[in-house]
Amino acid sequence: MISIPVIDMVATGRNIANMRERAGLSVRDLQVTFGFATPQAIYKWQHGTAMPTLDNLVVLAAVFGVTMDDIIVMNTEVSGQMGA
């Protein structure tokens, strides 16, 4: 058995919300940055019910002035077996 890292979506969402607030940005500001018609995707990210795509993570990292690793919260307590 080995530890397999898993993204903690809820903690990552809280991270996104906290970083957004620290940057002084509203959800609407991010909506405009991404060119989204509605803010639903951003709310889903913040609530941990969905994850940003890789492209959107790159943009979030640039907007917040952090790395993608700073945004994503990993949980390594899950064990599993490697193999085909």
PDB file of N, CA and C in Angstrom:
ATOM      1  N   MET A   1       0.834  -1.194   0.000  1.00  0.00           N
ATOM      2  CA  MET A   1       0.000   0.000   0.000  1.00  0.00           C
ATOM      3  C   MET A   1       0.874   1.252   0.000  1.00  0.00           C
ATOM      4  N   ILE A   2       0.420   2.240  -0.740  1.00  0.00           N
ATOM      5  CA  ILE A   2       1.097   3.534  -0.775  1.00  0.00           C
ATOM      6  C   ILE A   2       0.075   4.632  -0.556  1.00  0.00           C
ATOM      7  N   SER A   3       0.548   5.792  -0.164  1.00  0.00           N
ATOM      8  CA  SER A   3      -0.345   6.939  -0.018  1.00  0.00           C
ATOM      9  C   SER A   3      -0.553   7.572  -1.382  1.00  0.00           C
ATOM     10  N   ILE A   4      -1.795   7.741  -1.751  1.00  0.00           N
ATOM     11  CA  ILE A   4      -2.144   8.362  -3.021  1.00  0.00           C
ATOM     12  C   ILE A   4      -2.746   9.724  -2.719  1.00  0.00           C
ATOM     13  N   PRO A   5      -2.132  10.790  -3.225  1.00  0.00           N
ATOM     14  CA  PRO A   5      -2.687  12.128  -2.950  1.00  0.00           C
ATOM     15  C   PRO A   5      -4.019  12.334  -3.658  1.00  0.00           C
ATOM     16  N   VAL A   6      -4.931  12.977  -2.953  1.00  0.00           N
ATOM     17  CA  VAL A   6      -6.257  13.281  -3.478  1.00  0.00           C
ATOM     18  C   VAL A   6      -6.530  14.755  -3.200  1.00  0.00           C
ATOM     19  N   ILE A   7      -7.131  15.438  -4.171  1.00  0.00           N
ATOM     20  CA  ILE A   7      -7.461  16.848  -3.974  1.00  0.00           C
ATOM     21  C   ILE A   7      -8.627  16.961  -3.006  1.00  0.00           C
ATOM     22  N   ASP A   8      -8.456  17.759  -1.976  1.00  0.00           N
ATOM     23  CA  ASP A   8      -9.536  18.069  -1.037  1.00  0.00           C
ATOM     24  C   ASP A   8     -10.299  19.249  -1.644  1.00  0.00           C
ATOM     25  N   MET A   9     -11.419  18.945  -2.289  1.00  0.00           N
ATOM     26  CA  MET A   9     -12.165  19.959  -3.033  1.00  0.00           C
ATOM     27  C   MET A   9     -12.738  21.042  -2.137  1.00  0.00           C
ATOM     28  N   VAL A  10     -13.210  20.676  -0.949  1.00  0.00           N
ATOM     29  CA  VAL A  10     -13.800  21.667  -0.047  1.00  0.00           C
ATOM     30  C   VAL A  10     -12.721  22.617   0.471  1.00  0.00           C
ATOM     31  N   ALA A  11     -11.588  22.072   0.903  1.00  0.00           N
ATOM     32  CA  ALA A  11     -10.497  22.917   1.397  1.00  0.00           C
ATOM     33  C   ALA A  11      -9.925  23.777   0.271  1.00  0.00           C
ATOM     34  N   THR A  12      -9.850  23.227  -0.930  1.00  0.00           N
ATOM     35  CA  THR A  12      -9.379  23.999  -2.081  1.00  0.00           C
ATOM     36  C   THR A  12     -10.346  25.139  -2.367  1.00  0.00           C
ATOM     37  N   GLY A  13     -11.631  24.871  -2.272  1.00  0.00           N
ATOM     38  CA  GLY A  13     -12.637  25.912  -2.484  1.00  0.00           C
ATOM     39  C   GLY A  13     -12.518  27.030  -1.468  1.00  0.00           C
ATOM     40  N   ARG A  14     -12.299  26.655  -0.206  1.00  0.00           N
ATOM     41  CA  ARG A  14     -12.098  27.671   0.843  1.00  0.00           C
ATOM     42  C   ARG A  14     -10.850  28.493   0.547  1.00  0.00           C
ATOM     43  N   ASN A  15      -9.822  27.819   0.048  1.00  0.00           N
ATOM     44  CA  ASN A  15      -8.586  28.497  -0.318  1.00  0.00           C
ATOM     45  C   ASN A  15      -8.842  29.535  -1.412  1.00  0.00           C
ATOM     46  N   ILE A  16      -9.603  29.147  -2.424  1.00  0.00           N
ATOM     47  CA  ILE A  16      -9.925  30.067  -3.517  1.00  0.00           C
ATOM     48  C   ILE A  16     -10.688  31.273  -2.985  1.00  0.00           C
ATOM     49  N   ALA A  17     -11.675  31.023  -2.129  1.00  0.00           N
ATOM     50  CA  ALA A  17     -12.468  32.121  -1.560  1.00  0.00           C
ATOM     51  C   ALA A  17     -11.584  33.049  -0.731  1.00  0.00           C
ATOM     52  N   ASN A  18     -10.712  32.470   0.100  1.00  0.00           N
ATOM     53  CA  ASN A  18      -9.819  33.281   0.935  1.00  0.00           C
ATOM     54  C   ASN A  18      -8.854  34.102   0.090  1.00  0.00           C
ATOM     55  N   MET A  19      -8.292  33.489  -0.925  1.00  0.00           N
ATOM     56  CA  MET A  19      -7.354  34.206  -1.796  1.00  0.00           C
ATOM     57  C   MET A  19      -8.052  35.321  -2.570  1.00  0.00           C
ATOM     58  N   ARG A  20      -9.279  35.052  -2.981  1.00  0.00           N
ATOM     59  CA  ARG A  20     -10.059  36.070  -3.698  1.00  0.00           C
ATOM     60  C   ARG A  20     -10.281  37.269  -2.792  1.00  0.00           C
ATOM     61  N   GLU A  21     -10.691  36.998  -1.552  1.00  0.00           N
ATOM     62  CA  GLU A  21     -10.948  38.083  -0.606  1.00  0.00           C
ATOM     63  C   GLU A  21      -9.673  38.861  -0.277  1.00  0.00           C
ATOM     64  N   ARG A  22      -8.559  38.143  -0.064  1.00  0.00           N
ATOM     65  CA  ARG A  22      -7.284  38.816   0.227  1.00  0.00           C
ATOM     66  C   ARG A  22      -6.836  39.688  -0.939  1.00  0.00           C
ATOM     67  N   ALA A  23      -7.179  39.264  -2.157  1.00  0.00           N
ATOM     68  CA  ALA A  23      -6.816  40.047  -3.347  1.00  0.00           C
ATOM     69  C   ALA A  23      -7.759  41.235  -3.542  1.00  0.00           C
ATOM     70  N   GLY A  24      -8.802  41.327  -2.703  1.00  0.00           N
ATOM     71  CA  GLY A  24      -9.754  42.426  -2.803  1.00  0.00           C
ATOM     72  C   GLY A  24     -10.675  42.303  -4.002  1.00  0.00           C
ATOM     73  N   LEU A  25     -10.923  41.069  -4.420  1.00  0.00           N
ATOM     74  CA  LEU A  25     -11.764  40.825  -5.591  1.00  0.00           C
ATOM     75  C   LEU A  25     -13.119  40.263  -5.183  1.00  0.00           C
ATOM     76  N   SER A  26     -14.139  40.627  -5.920  1.00  0.00           N
ATOM     77  CA  SER A  26     -15.469  40.052  -5.711  1.00  0.00           C
ATOM     78  C   SER A  26     -15.631  38.861  -6.651  1.00  0.00           C
ATOM     79  N   VAL A  27     -16.668  38.090  -6.407  1.00  0.00           N
ATOM     80  CA  VAL A  27     -16.984  36.986  -7.322  1.00  0.00           C
ATOM     81  C   VAL A  27     -17.253  37.560  -8.713  1.00  0.00           C
ATOM     82  N   ARG A  28     -17.919  38.688  -8.753  1.00  0.00           N
ATOM     83  CA  ARG A  28     -18.202  39.354 -10.036  1.00  0.00           C
ATOM     84  C   ARG A  28     -16.911  39.723 -10.763  1.00  0.00           C
ATOM     85  N   ASP A  29     -15.905  40.189 -10.016  1.00  0.00           N
ATOM     86  CA  ASP A  29     -14.616  40.512 -10.631  1.00  0.00           C
ATOM     87  C   ASP A  29     -14.012  39.284 -11.314  1.00  0.00           C
ATOM     88  N   LEU A  30     -14.053  38.138 -10.625  1.00  0.00           N
ATOM     89  CA  LEU A  30     -13.530  36.910 -11.231  1.00  0.00           C
ATOM     90  C   LEU A  30     -14.373  36.486 -12.421  1.00  0.00           C
ATOM     91  N   GLN A  31     -15.678  36.644 -12.306  1.00  0.00           N
ATOM     92  CA  GLN A  31     -16.571  36.306 -13.416  1.00  0.00           C
ATOM     93  C   GLN A  31     -16.162  37.078 -14.669  1.00  0.00           C
ATOM     94  N   VAL A  32     -15.909  38.358 -14.517  1.00  0.00           N
ATOM     95  CA  VAL A  32     -15.501  39.201 -15.647  1.00  0.00           C
ATOM     96  C   VAL A  32     -14.129  38.770 -16.160  1.00  0.00           C
ATOM     97  N   THR A  33     -13.203  38.484 -15.250  1.00  0.00           N
ATOM     98  CA  THR A  33     -11.860  38.052 -15.645  1.00  0.00           C
ATOM     99  C   THR A  33     -11.915  36.818 -16.526  1.00  0.00           C
ATOM    100  N   PHE A  34     -12.764  35.863 -16.154  1.00  0.00           N
ATOM    101  CA  PHE A  34     -12.872  34.621 -16.910  1.00  0.00           C
ATOM    102  C   PHE A  34     -13.819  34.729 -18.105  1.00  0.00           C
ATOM    103  N   GLY A  35     -14.594  35.792 -18.169  1.00  0.00           N
ATOM    104  CA  GLY A  35     -15.536  35.948 -19.265  1.00  0.00           C
ATOM    105  C   GLY A  35     -16.745  35.031 -19.142  1.00  0.00           C
ATOM    106  N   PHE A  36     -17.076  34.651 -17.904  1.00  0.00           N
ATOM    107  CA  PHE A  36     -18.236  33.781 -17.671  1.00  0.00           C
ATOM    108  C   PHE A  36     -19.516  34.594 -17.741  1.00  0.00           C
ATOM    109  N   ALA A  37     -20.568  34.005 -18.291  1.00  0.00           N
ATOM    110  CA  ALA A  37     -21.867  34.677 -18.371  1.00  0.00           C
ATOM    111  C   ALA A  37     -22.515  34.795 -16.990  1.00  0.00           C
ATOM    112  N   THR A  38     -22.261  33.821 -16.130  1.00  0.00           N
ATOM    113  CA  THR A  38     -22.810  33.824 -14.771  1.00  0.00           C
ATOM    114  C   THR A  38     -21.692  33.475 -13.789  1.00  0.00           C
ATOM    115  N   PRO A  39     -21.892  33.750 -12.498  1.00  0.00           N
ATOM    116  CA  PRO A  39     -20.857  33.450 -11.500  1.00  0.00           C
ATOM    117  C   PRO A  39     -20.940  32.029 -10.947  1.00  0.00           C
ATOM    118  N   GLN A  40     -21.840  31.203 -11.458  1.00  0.00           N
ATOM    119  CA  GLN A  40     -22.085  29.878 -10.884  1.00  0.00           C
ATOM    120  C   GLN A  40     -20.817  29.032 -10.765  1.00  0.00           C
ATOM    121  N   ALA A  41     -19.965  29.025 -11.778  1.00  0.00           N
ATOM    122  CA  ALA A  41     -18.747  28.202 -11.732  1.00  0.00           C
ATOM    123  C   ALA A  41     -17.868  28.614 -10.558  1.00  0.00           C
ATOM    124  N   ILE A  42     -17.738  29.904 -10.344  1.00  0.00           N
ATOM    125  CA  ILE A  42     -16.885  30.395  -9.257  1.00  0.00           C
ATOM    126  C   ILE A  42     -17.468  29.996  -7.902  1.00  0.00           C
ATOM    127  N   TYR A  43     -18.777  30.108  -7.755  1.00  0.00           N
ATOM    128  CA  TYR A  43     -19.415  29.671  -6.508  1.00  0.00           C
ATOM    129  C   TYR A  43     -19.205  28.172  -6.297  1.00  0.00           C
ATOM    130  N   LYS A  44     -19.297  27.386  -7.363  1.00  0.00           N
ATOM    131  CA  LYS A  44     -19.074  25.933  -7.243  1.00  0.00           C
ATOM    132  C   LYS A  44     -17.644  25.640  -6.813  1.00  0.00           C
ATOM    133  N   TRP A  45     -16.675  26.385  -7.354  1.00  0.00           N
ATOM    134  CA  TRP A  45     -15.283  26.201  -6.933  1.00  0.00           C
ATOM    135  C   TRP A  45     -15.158  26.496  -5.452  1.00  0.00           C
ATOM    136  N   GLN A  46     -15.725  27.629  -5.018  1.00  0.00           N
ATOM    137  CA  GLN A  46     -15.584  28.069  -3.631  1.00  0.00           C
ATOM    138  C   GLN A  46     -16.279  27.135  -2.655  1.00  0.00           C
ATOM    139  N   HIS A  47     -17.353  26.465  -3.084  1.00  0.00           N
ATOM    140  CA  HIS A  47     -18.073  25.542  -2.212  1.00  0.00           C
ATOM    141  C   HIS A  47     -17.523  24.125  -2.288  1.00  0.00           C
ATOM    142  N   GLY A  48     -16.565  23.901  -3.197  1.00  0.00           N
ATOM    143  CA  GLY A  48     -15.961  22.576  -3.310  1.00  0.00           C
ATOM    144  C   GLY A  48     -16.811  21.564  -4.030  1.00  0.00           C
ATOM    145  N   THR A  49     -17.778  22.014  -4.810  1.00  0.00           N
ATOM    146  CA  THR A  49     -18.610  21.077  -5.568  1.00  0.00           C
ATOM    147  C   THR A  49     -18.088  20.872  -6.986  1.00  0.00           C
ATOM    148  N   ALA A  50     -17.122  21.702  -7.386  1.00  0.00           N
ATOM    149  CA  ALA A  50     -16.472  21.567  -8.693  1.00  0.00           C
ATOM    150  C   ALA A  50     -15.070  22.149  -8.575  1.00  0.00           C
ATOM    151  N   MET A  51     -14.202  21.705  -9.457  1.00  0.00           N
ATOM    152  CA  MET A  51     -12.827  22.211  -9.502  1.00  0.00           C
ATOM    153  C   MET A  51     -12.631  23.025 -10.766  1.00  0.00           C
ATOM    154  N   PRO A  52     -11.821  24.079 -10.690  1.00  0.00           N
ATOM    155  CA  PRO A  52     -11.483  24.808 -11.906  1.00  0.00           C
ATOM    156  C   PRO A  52     -10.705  23.900 -12.857  1.00  0.00           C
ATOM    157  N   THR A  53     -10.864  24.119 -14.141  1.00  0.00           N
ATOM    158  CA  THR A  53     -10.051  23.382 -15.105  1.00  0.00           C
ATOM    159  C   THR A  53      -8.600  23.787 -14.938  1.00  0.00           C
ATOM    160  N   LEU A  54      -7.709  23.046 -15.535  1.00  0.00           N
ATOM    161  CA  LEU A  54      -6.291  23.371 -15.457  1.00  0.00           C
ATOM    162  C   LEU A  54      -6.016  24.771 -15.996  1.00  0.00           C
ATOM    163  N   ASP A  55      -6.638  25.111 -17.116  1.00  0.00           N
ATOM    164  CA  ASP A  55      -6.481  26.452 -17.690  1.00  0.00           C
ATOM    165  C   ASP A  55      -6.944  27.526 -16.707  1.00  0.00           C
ATOM    166  N   ASN A  56      -8.079  27.285 -16.053  1.00  0.00           N
ATOM    167  CA  ASN A  56      -8.605  28.261 -15.100  1.00  0.00           C
ATOM    168  C   ASN A  56      -7.738  28.344 -13.848  1.00  0.00           C
ATOM    169  N   LEU A  57      -7.131  27.233 -13.445  1.00  0.00           N
ATOM    170  CA  LEU A  57      -6.201  27.268 -12.309  1.00  0.00           C
ATOM    171  C   LEU A  57      -4.989  28.138 -12.627  1.00  0.00           C
ATOM    172  N   VAL A  58      -4.505  28.053 -13.865  1.00  0.00           N
ATOM    173  CA  VAL A  58      -3.368  28.886 -14.281  1.00  0.00           C
ATOM    174  C   VAL A  58      -3.747  30.363 -14.159  1.00  0.00           C
ATOM    175  N   VAL A  59      -4.947  30.717 -14.599  1.00  0.00           N
ATOM    176  CA  VAL A  59      -5.403  32.108 -14.521  1.00  0.00           C
ATOM    177  C   VAL A  59      -5.577  32.529 -13.065  1.00  0.00           C
ATOM    178  N   LEU A  60      -6.209  31.679 -12.243  1.00  0.00           N
ATOM    179  CA  LEU A  60      -6.375  32.005 -10.823  1.00  0.00           C
ATOM    180  C   LEU A  60      -5.023  32.263 -10.160  1.00  0.00           C
ATOM    181  N   ALA A  61      -4.052  31.413 -10.441  1.00  0.00           N
ATOM    182  CA  ALA A  61      -2.728  31.574  -9.853  1.00  0.00           C
ATOM    183  C   ALA A  61      -2.123  32.917 -10.261  1.00  0.00           C
ATOM    184  N   ALA A  62      -2.282  33.290 -11.517  1.00  0.00           N
ATOM    185  CA  ALA A  62      -1.747  34.577 -11.991  1.00  0.00           C
ATOM    186  C   ALA A  62      -2.473  35.742 -11.333  1.00  0.00           C
ATOM    187  N   VAL A  63      -3.798  35.654 -11.239  1.00  0.00           N
ATOM    188  CA  VAL A  63      -4.593  36.729 -10.638  1.00  0.00           C
ATOM    189  C   VAL A  63      -4.241  36.904  -9.156  1.00  0.00           C
ATOM    190  N   PHE A  64      -4.057  35.793  -8.447  1.00  0.00           N
ATOM    191  CA  PHE A  64      -3.767  35.850  -7.014  1.00  0.00           C
ATOM    192  C   PHE A  64      -2.280  36.031  -6.724  1.00  0.00           C
ATOM    193  N   GLY A  65      -1.437  35.887  -7.732  1.00  0.00           N
ATOM    194  CA  GLY A  65      -0.001  36.014  -7.529  1.00  0.00           C
ATOM    195  C   GLY A  65       0.601  34.872  -6.737  1.00  0.00           C
ATOM    196  N   VAL A  66       0.071  33.654  -6.965  1.00  0.00           N
ATOM    197  CA  VAL A  66       0.547  32.462  -6.264  1.00  0.00           C
ATOM    198  C   VAL A  66       0.792  31.358  -7.299  1.00  0.00           C
ATOM    199  N   THR A  67       1.233  30.196  -6.829  1.00  0.00           N
ATOM    200  CA  THR A  67       1.361  29.048  -7.719  1.00  0.00           C
ATOM    201  C   THR A  67       0.085  28.211  -7.644  1.00  0.00           C
ATOM    202  N   MET A  68      -0.097  27.333  -8.604  1.00  0.00           N
ATOM    203  CA  MET A  68      -1.257  26.441  -8.555  1.00  0.00           C
ATOM    204  C   MET A  68      -1.190  25.549  -7.324  1.00  0.00           C
ATOM    205  N   ASP A  69       0.018  25.168  -6.926  1.00  0.00           N
ATOM    206  CA  ASP A  69       0.185  24.356  -5.715  1.00  0.00           C
ATOM    207  C   ASP A  69      -0.302  25.082  -4.470  1.00  0.00           C
ATOM    208  N   ASP A  70      -0.216  26.403  -4.475  1.00  0.00           N
ATOM    209  CA  ASP A  70      -0.712  27.181  -3.342  1.00  0.00           C
ATOM    210  C   ASP A  70      -2.242  27.149  -3.267  1.00  0.00           C
ATOM    211  N   ILE A  71      -2.887  26.964  -4.408  1.00  0.00           N
ATOM    212  CA  ILE A  71      -4.351  26.960  -4.465  1.00  0.00           C
ATOM    213  C   ILE A  71      -4.907  25.593  -4.088  1.00  0.00           C
ATOM    214  N   ILE A  72      -4.308  24.553  -4.613  1.00  0.00           N
ATOM    215  CA  ILE A  72      -4.826  23.190  -4.434  1.00  0.00           C
ATOM    216  C   ILE A  72      -4.413  22.639  -3.074  1.00  0.00           C
ATOM    217  N   VAL A  73      -5.374  22.065  -2.356  1.00  0.00           N
ATOM    218  CA  VAL A  73      -5.109  21.425  -1.063  1.00  0.00           C
ATOM    219  C   VAL A  73      -5.166  19.917  -1.277  1.00  0.00           C
ATOM    220  N   MET A  74      -4.071  19.256  -0.943  1.00  0.00           N
ATOM    221  CA  MET A  74      -3.978  17.812  -1.135  1.00  0.00           C
ATOM    222  C   MET A  74      -4.199  17.072   0.182  1.00  0.00           C
ATOM    223  N   ASN A  75      -4.821  15.918   0.086  1.00  0.00           N
ATOM    224  CA  ASN A  75      -5.015  15.024   1.220  1.00  0.00           C
ATOM    225  C   ASN A  75      -4.298  13.731   0.866  1.00  0.00           C
ATOM    226  N   THR A  76      -3.312  13.337   1.656  1.00  0.00           N
ATOM    227  CA  THR A  76      -2.542  12.125   1.358  1.00  0.00           C
ATOM    228  C   THR A  76      -2.859  10.984   2.310  1.00  0.00           C
ATOM    229  N   GLU A  77      -3.983  11.070   3.001  1.00  0.00           N
ATOM    230  CA  GLU A  77      -4.333  10.012   3.948  1.00  0.00           C
ATOM    231  C   GLU A  77      -4.980   8.804   3.295  1.00  0.00           C
ATOM    232  N   VAL A  78      -5.269   8.903   2.004  1.00  0.00           N
ATOM    233  CA  VAL A  78      -5.905   7.803   1.290  1.00  0.00           C
ATOM    234  C   VAL A  78      -4.822   6.815   0.869  1.00  0.00           C
ATOM    235  N   SER A  79      -5.051   5.536   1.121  1.00  0.00           N
ATOM    236  CA  SER A  79      -4.099   4.501   0.714  1.00  0.00           C
ATOM    237  C   SER A  79      -4.678   3.689  -0.425  1.00  0.00           C
ATOM    238  N   GLY A  80      -3.806   3.179  -1.243  1.00  0.00           N
ATOM    239  CA  GLY A  80      -4.257   2.367  -2.360  1.00  0.00           C
ATOM    240  C   GLY A  80      -3.122   1.533  -2.888  1.00  0.00           C
ATOM    241  N   GLN A  81      -3.442   0.699  -3.869  1.00  0.00           N
ATOM    242  CA  GLN A  81      -2.453  -0.136  -4.497  1.00  0.00           C
ATOM    243  C   GLN A  81      -2.197   0.353  -5.891  1.00  0.00           C
ATOM    244  N   MET A  82      -0.951   0.328  -6.300  1.00  0.00           N
ATOM    245  CA  MET A  82      -0.591   0.688  -7.653  1.00  0.00           C
ATOM    246  C   MET A  82      -0.624  -0.582  -8.486  1.00  0.00           C
ATOM    247  N   GLY A  83      -1.021  -0.433  -9.707  1.00  0.00           N
ATOM    248  CA  GLY A  83      -0.990  -1.593 -10.602  1.00  0.00           C
ATOM    249  C   GLY A  83      -1.998  -1.426 -11.708  1.00  0.00           C
ATOM    250  N   ALA A  84      -1.909  -2.315 -12.663  1.00  0.00           N
ATOM    251  CA  ALA A  84      -2.805  -2.220 -13.824  1.00  0.00           C
ATOM    252  C   ALA A  84      -4.003  -3.105 -13.665  1.00  0.00           C
TER     253      ALA A  84
END
